[in-house]
Amino acid sequence: MQQTPARGDLTRFATEAVGGRDEKRRATSRGLADAAFRLATEKGFDGFVVEDVTASAGYSRRTFANHYSCKEDAVASVLLNKAGAAVDASDLSMLASFEGTDIDLLELLLLSAVDTQLVDYMISLRHLLRTHEPLLPYVLAVGVPMTERVGDVIALAVGPSRDALTTSLLIHSTWGAVIAVLRGVYDPWVDTTTDDERVDALRAYWVTTFDRFRTGFGPVA
């Protein structure tokens, strides 16, 4: 039977945004999440318990409870951590002189984040979603802090000239494109065999996605 997380659990999860104010807390959250994700990919969700996560990460059960409500909560948060790391790794000095549009900046951020590690993670997460349905609500909840974080970056770069509604629609549509891949609606890696091919395929997916955004989902030139 599918388990649905309580509203309070999802709210707490959604507010655990990457780029939080306390670096030590962020490091603890990342350590627990990485351990949970590693165990999930190696053993499946039925093959480990929270105590295995805390033992692997070197923290107490109480510490885990301070950060996450369950295994699914911790595993899903890796997606948020990776998104935040990609934003943090971007050249923030570039934002001060950025002259493109919201859509140009968002495409640039996504393309710069694509590497072998991200591709491997997305493929693993897609498998976990297929085999463990209770994970889905937590993955979907990642979209709340993730879209807010990206919106803050775009606002910083584009400034008052941005149209808030257009930006919001764009960011949330992009999140939908991520979910389409994770849920298997579209598989960019269907004909790939090597790491380089998989990286190129994800880049091509983003280029095609943003071509659709620019043409209003009409014919692509």
C-alpha atoms as a PDB file:
ATOM      1  CA  MET A   1       0.000   0.000   0.000  1.00  0.00           C
ATOM      2  CA  GLN A   2       1.385   3.401  -0.929  1.00  0.00           C
ATOM      3  CA  GLN A   3       2.350   5.575   2.006  1.00  0.00           C
ATOM      4  CA  THR A   4       1.582   9.261   1.836  1.00  0.00           C
ATOM      5  CA  PRO A   5       3.704  11.506   4.063  1.00  0.00           C
ATOM      6  CA  ALA A   6       1.900  13.716   6.515  1.00  0.00           C
ATOM      7  CA  ARG A   7       1.466  17.343   5.535  1.00  0.00           C
ATOM      8  CA  GLY A   8       3.734  18.442   8.365  1.00  0.00           C
ATOM      9  CA  ASP A   9       6.492  16.110   7.184  1.00  0.00           C
ATOM     10  CA  LEU A  10       6.375  17.501   3.646  1.00  0.00           C
ATOM     11  CA  THR A  11       6.339  21.058   4.948  1.00  0.00           C
ATOM     12  CA  ARG A  12       9.415  20.443   7.051  1.00  0.00           C
ATOM     13  CA  PHE A  13      11.095  18.681   4.160  1.00  0.00           C
ATOM     14  CA  ALA A  14      10.300  21.486   1.711  1.00  0.00           C
ATOM     15  CA  THR A  15      11.770  24.119   3.998  1.00  0.00           C
ATOM     16  CA  GLU A  16      15.089  22.245   4.311  1.00  0.00           C
ATOM     17  CA  ALA A  17      16.450  24.185   1.333  1.00  0.00           C
ATOM     18  CA  VAL A  18      19.978  23.863   0.092  1.00  0.00           C
ATOM     19  CA  GLY A  19      21.895  27.015   0.874  1.00  0.00           C
ATOM     20  CA  GLY A  20      20.570  27.137   4.410  1.00  0.00           C
ATOM     21  CA  ARG A  21      22.009  29.538   6.919  1.00  0.00           C
ATOM     22  CA  ASP A  22      24.016  27.103   9.001  1.00  0.00           C
ATOM     23  CA  GLU A  23      26.884  25.372   7.200  1.00  0.00           C
ATOM     24  CA  LYS A  24      27.339  22.710   9.858  1.00  0.00           C
ATOM     25  CA  ARG A  25      23.678  21.781   9.621  1.00  0.00           C
ATOM     26  CA  ARG A  26      23.931  21.676   5.851  1.00  0.00           C
ATOM     27  CA  ALA A  27      26.932  19.345   6.049  1.00  0.00           C
ATOM     28  CA  THR A  28      25.066  17.024   8.421  1.00  0.00           C
ATOM     29  CA  SER A  29      22.017  16.991   6.149  1.00  0.00           C
ATOM     30  CA  ARG A  30      24.172  16.186   3.125  1.00  0.00           C
ATOM     31  CA  GLY A  31      26.006  13.411   4.955  1.00  0.00           C
ATOM     32  CA  LEU A  32      22.784  11.717   6.043  1.00  0.00           C
ATOM     33  CA  ALA A  33      21.174  12.140   2.635  1.00  0.00           C
ATOM     34  CA  ASP A  34      24.185  10.762   0.765  1.00  0.00           C
ATOM     35  CA  ALA A  35      24.314   7.737   3.067  1.00  0.00           C
ATOM     36  CA  ALA A  36      20.590   7.077   2.604  1.00  0.00           C
ATOM     37  CA  PHE A  37      20.847   7.384  -1.162  1.00  0.00           C
ATOM     38  CA  ARG A  38      23.840   5.068  -1.299  1.00  0.00           C
ATOM     39  CA  LEU A  39      22.049   2.410   0.759  1.00  0.00           C
ATOM     40  CA  ALA A  40      18.879   2.754  -1.310  1.00  0.00           C
ATOM     41  CA  THR A  41      20.741   2.209  -4.567  1.00  0.00           C
ATOM     42  CA  GLU A  42      22.763  -0.690  -3.180  1.00  0.00           C
ATOM     43  CA  LYS A  43      20.075  -2.521  -1.207  1.00  0.00           C
ATOM     44  CA  GLY A  44      16.712  -1.115  -2.222  1.00  0.00           C
ATOM     45  CA  PHE A  45      14.408   0.595   0.264  1.00  0.00           C
ATOM     46  CA  ASP A  46      13.436  -2.681   1.902  1.00  0.00           C
ATOM     47  CA  GLY A  47      17.064  -3.574   2.514  1.00  0.00           C
ATOM     48  CA  PHE A  48      17.963  -0.974   5.133  1.00  0.00           C
ATOM     49  CA  VAL A  49      16.573   1.002   8.051  1.00  0.00           C
ATOM     50  CA  VAL A  50      17.252   4.470   9.419  1.00  0.00           C
ATOM     51  CA  GLU A  51      19.774   3.054  11.902  1.00  0.00           C
ATOM     52  CA  ASP A  52      21.831   1.822   8.938  1.00  0.00           C
ATOM     53  CA  VAL A  53      21.836   5.359   7.562  1.00  0.00           C
ATOM     54  CA  THR A  54      23.012   6.898  10.829  1.00  0.00           C
ATOM     55  CA  ALA A  55      25.699   4.245  11.298  1.00  0.00           C
ATOM     56  CA  SER A  56      26.988   4.794   7.764  1.00  0.00           C
ATOM     57  CA  ALA A  57      26.998   8.585   8.094  1.00  0.00           C
ATOM     58  CA  GLY A  58      28.342   8.615  11.663  1.00  0.00           C
ATOM     59  CA  TYR A  59      25.414  10.372  13.326  1.00  0.00           C
ATOM     60  CA  SER A  60      22.810   9.466  15.936  1.00  0.00           C
ATOM     61  CA  ARG A  61      19.198   8.499  15.364  1.00  0.00           C
ATOM     62  CA  ARG A  62      18.190  11.727  17.083  1.00  0.00           C
ATOM     63  CA  THR A  63      20.281  13.756  14.663  1.00  0.00           C
ATOM     64  CA  PHE A  64      18.570  12.040  11.746  1.00  0.00           C
ATOM     65  CA  ALA A  65      15.174  12.937  13.220  1.00  0.00           C
ATOM     66  CA  ASN A  66      16.256  16.575  13.454  1.00  0.00           C
ATOM     67  CA  HIS A  67      16.784  16.645   9.687  1.00  0.00           C
ATOM     68  CA  TYR A  68      14.497  14.079   8.076  1.00  0.00           C
ATOM     69  CA  SER A  69      11.234  12.330   8.824  1.00  0.00           C
ATOM     70  CA  CYS A  70      12.059   9.037   7.077  1.00  0.00           C
ATOM     71  CA  LYS A  71      14.340   7.271   4.594  1.00  0.00           C
ATOM     72  CA  GLU A  72      12.395   8.653   1.630  1.00  0.00           C
ATOM     73  CA  ASP A  73      12.787  12.184   2.948  1.00  0.00           C
ATOM     74  CA  ALA A  74      16.570  11.805   3.128  1.00  0.00           C
ATOM     75  CA  VAL A  75      16.958  10.146  -0.278  1.00  0.00           C
ATOM     76  CA  ALA A  76      14.868  12.764  -2.078  1.00  0.00           C
ATOM     77  CA  SER A  77      16.834  15.602  -0.516  1.00  0.00           C
ATOM     78  CA  VAL A  78      19.928  14.589  -2.488  1.00  0.00           C
ATOM     79  CA  LEU A  79      18.236  16.099  -5.532  1.00  0.00           C
ATOM     80  CA  LEU A  80      17.876  19.373  -3.667  1.00  0.00           C
ATOM     81  CA  ASN A  81      21.496  19.228  -2.525  1.00  0.00           C
ATOM     82  CA  LYS A  82      22.725  18.699  -6.072  1.00  0.00           C
ATOM     83  CA  ALA A  83      20.625  21.547  -7.430  1.00  0.00           C
ATOM     84  CA  GLY A  84      21.913  23.880  -4.752  1.00  0.00           C
ATOM     85  CA  ALA A  85      25.493  22.809  -5.370  1.00  0.00           C
ATOM     86  CA  ALA A  86      25.084  23.541  -9.073  1.00  0.00           C
ATOM     87  CA  VAL A  87      23.835  27.040  -8.312  1.00  0.00           C
ATOM     88  CA  ASP A  88      26.592  27.608  -5.780  1.00  0.00           C
ATOM     89  CA  ALA A  89      29.220  26.457  -8.267  1.00  0.00           C
ATOM     90  CA  SER A  90      28.052  28.911 -10.907  1.00  0.00           C
ATOM     91  CA  ASP A  91      30.165  31.994 -11.460  1.00  0.00           C
ATOM     92  CA  LEU A  92      28.250  34.487  -9.346  1.00  0.00           C
ATOM     93  CA  SER A  93      30.391  37.321 -10.678  1.00  0.00           C
ATOM     94  CA  MET A  94      28.872  36.549 -14.063  1.00  0.00           C
ATOM     95  CA  LEU A  95      25.453  37.442 -12.706  1.00  0.00           C
ATOM     96  CA  ALA A  96      26.447  41.039 -12.089  1.00  0.00           C
ATOM     97  CA  SER A  97      27.123  41.585 -15.798  1.00  0.00           C
ATOM     98  CA  PHE A  98      24.567  39.167 -17.230  1.00  0.00           C
ATOM     99  CA  GLU A  99      22.660  40.742 -20.110  1.00  0.00           C
ATOM    100  CA  GLY A 100      20.461  37.899 -21.315  1.00  0.00           C
ATOM    101  CA  THR A 101      16.888  37.047 -20.473  1.00  0.00           C
ATOM    102  CA  ASP A 102      15.485  34.820 -17.743  1.00  0.00           C
ATOM    103  CA  ILE A 103      15.300  31.913 -20.149  1.00  0.00           C
ATOM    104  CA  ASP A 104      18.907  32.402 -21.277  1.00  0.00           C
ATOM    105  CA  LEU A 105      20.172  32.349 -17.711  1.00  0.00           C
ATOM    106  CA  LEU A 106      18.147  29.313 -16.690  1.00  0.00           C
ATOM    107  CA  GLU A 107      19.332  27.345 -19.712  1.00  0.00           C
ATOM    108  CA  LEU A 108      22.918  28.349 -18.956  1.00  0.00           C
ATOM    109  CA  LEU A 109      22.625  27.185 -15.336  1.00  0.00           C
ATOM    110  CA  LEU A 110      21.147  23.837 -16.334  1.00  0.00           C
ATOM    111  CA  LEU A 111      23.660  23.117 -19.072  1.00  0.00           C
ATOM    112  CA  SER A 112      26.591  24.019 -16.819  1.00  0.00           C
ATOM    113  CA  ALA A 113      25.337  21.556 -14.177  1.00  0.00           C
ATOM    114  CA  VAL A 114      25.292  18.526 -16.497  1.00  0.00           C
ATOM    115  CA  ASP A 115      28.099  16.064 -15.839  1.00  0.00           C
ATOM    116  CA  THR A 116      28.571  12.312 -15.440  1.00  0.00           C
ATOM    117  CA  GLN A 117      27.827  12.416 -11.721  1.00  0.00           C
ATOM    118  CA  LEU A 118      24.501  14.195 -12.220  1.00  0.00           C
ATOM    119  CA  VAL A 119      23.484  11.805 -15.006  1.00  0.00           C
ATOM    120  CA  ASP A 120      24.316   8.746 -12.877  1.00  0.00           C
ATOM    121  CA  TYR A 121      22.333  10.203  -9.998  1.00  0.00           C
ATOM    122  CA  MET A 122      19.265  10.956 -12.139  1.00  0.00           C
ATOM    123  CA  ILE A 123      19.289   7.454 -13.640  1.00  0.00           C
ATOM    124  CA  SER A 124      19.543   5.904 -10.163  1.00  0.00           C
ATOM    125  CA  LEU A 125      16.778   8.119  -8.795  1.00  0.00           C
ATOM    126  CA  ARG A 126      14.553   7.231 -11.735  1.00  0.00           C
ATOM    127  CA  HIS A 127      15.027   3.543 -10.915  1.00  0.00           C
ATOM    128  CA  LEU A 128      14.222   4.132  -7.237  1.00  0.00           C
ATOM    129  CA  LEU A 129      11.017   5.943  -8.182  1.00  0.00           C
ATOM    130  CA  ARG A 130       9.939   3.012 -10.339  1.00  0.00           C
ATOM    131  CA  THR A 131      10.605   0.471  -7.617  1.00  0.00           C
ATOM    132  CA  HIS A 132       9.470   2.419  -4.536  1.00  0.00           C
ATOM    133  CA  GLU A 133       6.357   4.526  -5.080  1.00  0.00           C
ATOM    134  CA  PRO A 134       6.338   6.127  -1.570  1.00  0.00           C
ATOM    135  CA  LEU A 135       9.429   8.088  -2.624  1.00  0.00           C
ATOM    136  CA  LEU A 136       7.467  10.145  -5.169  1.00  0.00           C
ATOM    137  CA  PRO A 137       5.786  12.685  -2.816  1.00  0.00           C
ATOM    138  CA  TYR A 138       9.159  13.602  -1.332  1.00  0.00           C
ATOM    139  CA  VAL A 139      10.769  14.042  -4.738  1.00  0.00           C
ATOM    140  CA  LEU A 140       7.880  16.255  -5.819  1.00  0.00           C
ATOM    141  CA  ALA A 141       8.271  18.291  -2.622  1.00  0.00           C
ATOM    142  CA  VAL A 142      11.840  19.113  -3.639  1.00  0.00           C
ATOM    143  CA  GLY A 143      10.344  21.424  -6.236  1.00  0.00           C
ATOM    144  CA  VAL A 144       9.247  23.964  -3.619  1.00  0.00           C
ATOM    145  CA  PRO A 145      12.656  25.076  -2.304  1.00  0.00           C
ATOM    146  CA  MET A 146      14.374  24.302  -5.607  1.00  0.00           C
ATOM    147  CA  THR A 147      12.225  26.635  -7.692  1.00  0.00           C
ATOM    148  CA  GLU A 148      12.464  29.327  -5.012  1.00  0.00           C
ATOM    149  CA  ARG A 149      16.263  29.096  -5.020  1.00  0.00           C
ATOM    150  CA  VAL A 150      16.483  29.368  -8.798  1.00  0.00           C
ATOM    151  CA  GLY A 151      14.034  32.273  -8.752  1.00  0.00           C
ATOM    152  CA  ASP A 152      16.275  34.135  -6.319  1.00  0.00           C
ATOM    153  CA  VAL A 153      19.278  33.660  -8.615  1.00  0.00           C
ATOM    154  CA  ILE A 154      17.373  34.901 -11.659  1.00  0.00           C
ATOM    155  CA  ALA A 155      16.051  37.908  -9.751  1.00  0.00           C
ATOM    156  CA  LEU A 156      19.609  38.776  -8.730  1.00  0.00           C
ATOM    157  CA  ALA A 157      20.896  38.543 -12.287  1.00  0.00           C
ATOM    158  CA  VAL A 158      18.043  40.024 -14.312  1.00  0.00           C
ATOM    159  CA  GLY A 159      16.834  42.561 -11.764  1.00  0.00           C
ATOM    160  CA  PRO A 160      13.689  44.701 -11.952  1.00  0.00           C
ATOM    161  CA  SER A 161      13.324  44.223 -15.697  1.00  0.00           C
ATOM    162  CA  ARG A 162      12.133  40.646 -15.194  1.00  0.00           C
ATOM    163  CA  ASP A 163       8.485  39.748 -15.511  1.00  0.00           C
ATOM    164  CA  ALA A 164       7.699  37.819 -12.334  1.00  0.00           C
ATOM    165  CA  LEU A 165       4.871  35.751 -13.822  1.00  0.00           C
ATOM    166  CA  THR A 166       6.850  34.717 -16.875  1.00  0.00           C
ATOM    167  CA  THR A 167       9.829  33.801 -14.725  1.00  0.00           C
ATOM    168  CA  SER A 168       7.690  31.724 -12.387  1.00  0.00           C
ATOM    169  CA  LEU A 169       6.038  29.854 -15.251  1.00  0.00           C
ATOM    170  CA  LEU A 170       9.421  29.201 -16.830  1.00  0.00           C
ATOM    171  CA  ILE A 171      11.025  27.865 -13.648  1.00  0.00           C
ATOM    172  CA  HIS A 172       8.110  25.595 -12.811  1.00  0.00           C
ATOM    173  CA  SER A 173       7.939  24.323 -16.387  1.00  0.00           C
ATOM    174  CA  THR A 174      11.615  23.456 -16.150  1.00  0.00           C
ATOM    175  CA  TRP A 175      10.968  21.547 -12.934  1.00  0.00           C
ATOM    176  CA  GLY A 176       8.238  19.694 -14.814  1.00  0.00           C
ATOM    177  CA  ALA A 177      10.797  18.734 -17.445  1.00  0.00           C
ATOM    178  CA  VAL A 178      12.987  17.259 -14.696  1.00  0.00           C
ATOM    179  CA  ILE A 179      10.062  15.246 -13.346  1.00  0.00           C
ATOM    180  CA  ALA A 180       9.243  13.997 -16.859  1.00  0.00           C
ATOM    181  CA  VAL A 181      12.682  12.391 -17.018  1.00  0.00           C
ATOM    182  CA  LEU A 182      12.614  11.032 -13.467  1.00  0.00           C
ATOM    183  CA  ARG A 183       9.149   9.522 -13.960  1.00  0.00           C
ATOM    184  CA  GLY A 184      10.118   7.951 -17.273  1.00  0.00           C
ATOM    185  CA  VAL A 185       7.734  10.021 -19.390  1.00  0.00           C
ATOM    186  CA  TYR A 186      10.726  10.804 -21.574  1.00  0.00           C
ATOM    187  CA  ASP A 187      14.018   8.908 -21.615  1.00  0.00           C
ATOM    188  CA  PRO A 188      16.932  10.928 -23.023  1.00  0.00           C
ATOM    189  CA  TRP A 189      19.297   7.959 -22.571  1.00  0.00           C
ATOM    190  CA  VAL A 190      17.385   5.305 -24.490  1.00  0.00           C
ATOM    191  CA  ASP A 191      20.037   4.901 -27.214  1.00  0.00           C
ATOM    192  CA  THR A 192      23.155   5.686 -25.154  1.00  0.00           C
ATOM    193  CA  THR A 193      25.851   3.309 -23.907  1.00  0.00           C
ATOM    194  CA  THR A 194      28.752   5.449 -22.656  1.00  0.00           C
ATOM    195  CA  ASP A 195      29.069   8.175 -20.029  1.00  0.00           C
ATOM    196  CA  ASP A 196      29.879  10.788 -22.666  1.00  0.00           C
ATOM    197  CA  GLU A 197      26.812   9.828 -24.699  1.00  0.00           C
ATOM    198  CA  ARG A 198      24.589  10.093 -21.622  1.00  0.00           C
ATOM    199  CA  VAL A 199      25.965  13.538 -20.758  1.00  0.00           C
ATOM    200  CA  ASP A 200      25.474  14.714 -24.339  1.00  0.00           C
ATOM    201  CA  ALA A 201      21.944  13.287 -24.371  1.00  0.00           C
ATOM    202  CA  LEU A 202      20.929  15.203 -21.236  1.00  0.00           C
ATOM    203  CA  ARG A 203      22.413  18.396 -22.653  1.00  0.00           C
ATOM    204  CA  ALA A 204      20.486  17.832 -25.882  1.00  0.00           C
ATOM    205  CA  TYR A 205      17.308  17.328 -23.865  1.00  0.00           C
ATOM    206  CA  TRP A 206      17.753  20.713 -22.199  1.00  0.00           C
ATOM    207  CA  VAL A 207      18.520  22.444 -25.486  1.00  0.00           C
ATOM    208  CA  THR A 208      15.379  20.950 -27.033  1.00  0.00           C
ATOM    209  CA  THR A 209      13.304  21.853 -23.972  1.00  0.00           C
ATOM    210  CA  PHE A 210      14.374  25.483 -24.095  1.00  0.00           C
ATOM    211  CA  ASP A 211      13.812  25.618 -27.850  1.00  0.00           C
ATOM    212  CA  ARG A 212      10.222  24.620 -27.086  1.00  0.00           C
ATOM    213  CA  PHE A 213       9.966  27.318 -24.417  1.00  0.00           C
ATOM    214  CA  ARG A 214      11.226  29.988 -26.817  1.00  0.00           C
ATOM    215  CA  THR A 215       8.813  29.046 -29.595  1.00  0.00           C
ATOM    216  CA  GLY A 216       5.816  28.733 -27.287  1.00  0.00           C
ATOM    217  CA  PHE A 217       5.674  25.012 -28.079  1.00  0.00           C
ATOM    218  CA  GLY A 218       5.170  25.825 -31.732  1.00  0.00           C
ATOM    219  CA  PRO A 219       7.380  24.524 -34.561  1.00  0.00           C
ATOM    220  CA  VAL A 220      11.092  24.638 -33.757  1.00  0.00           C
ATOM    221  CA  ALA A 221      13.180  26.395 -36.370  1.00  0.00           C
END
